[in-house]
Amino acid sequence: MAWNSFNTGAYSGMIAETLDIPGKDGPVRAYVSKPLGISNYPSMVLIPHMPGWDEFSREASRRFTEHGYAVICPDIYRAYGDGTPGEIAKAAMNAGGIPDSSVMSDCEAAIDYLKALPESNSKVGVIGMCSGGRHTFLAACTLEGIDAAVDCWGGGVIASPDQLSPSRPVAPIEYAKDLSCPLLGIFGNEDRNPDAAQVDETERILKELGKDYEFHRYDGAGHGIWYYDKPMYRQEQAMESWNIALEFLDRHLK
């Protein structure tokens, strides 16, 4: 459902809250938003970005719920304590970054929780921005039960050996052969992480492997074009790509 295409006479409601969901290694703290008054709805996992488990991530979750999705945004930073999103993200960076294995475990717990909701249609998508975009690509290639994925300017999908670390031991592009769902990519051509050459290389590999993907790339835009609270926001490119993402998700999940 595109932006502002709702019927003004239709009922609209949601519930949004923080809660713990079951995980393999214990409870996973999450922000959960679900639509009210409808059933058989699709679901999404929204992986937070490096600025942290922040207000933008929660507001984006609610935006997707307004469009008919149950959404879980897991607190992938929980191991680093409690505080403001910026404080906890800094603690994670100082510790060497969040291990990919931990993020994938949280995402797996979120997928299982969403599919078990009685109102769910059992279809689940994954979306992430910045580092969350990288994690989205990784999840789409390594986790089961994902029906569509949206990588928003995820840097580090392609990485040289010197950019790998104990927390990020493998570049996600190495798993591209196992991509198991349609993938949408949204990128600014002036971004430096990923830069245009890295996006070109990712697209070349996906095309060579015969994967179901579509990339949308924007001139006059760099990193974080949806972040309306930052100078990097680009209104025209942001709204066009929001609508593209909504249409893509509706097509594959509804």
Foldseek 3Di string as FASTA:
>chain_A
DAPPPDDPPDDWDKDWDWDWFDFPVGTWIKIKMATPPAFQFAEEEEEEALLFPAPVSNVVQVVVRRVGYIYIYTRLLVVQDDDHRNVSSVSQVVVVHAALVSSLRSVQRVLVVQLPPPRHNQAYAYEYFACSLQSQLLNQLPPPSHAEYERELHFQLDDDCVPADNRRNDRSLVSLLRRDYEYEYEFEQAEVRVHPVVVVVSVVSCVVSVHHYDYDYHYPAYGDCCPPVDPRHDVVSNSVVVRVVSVVCVVRTD
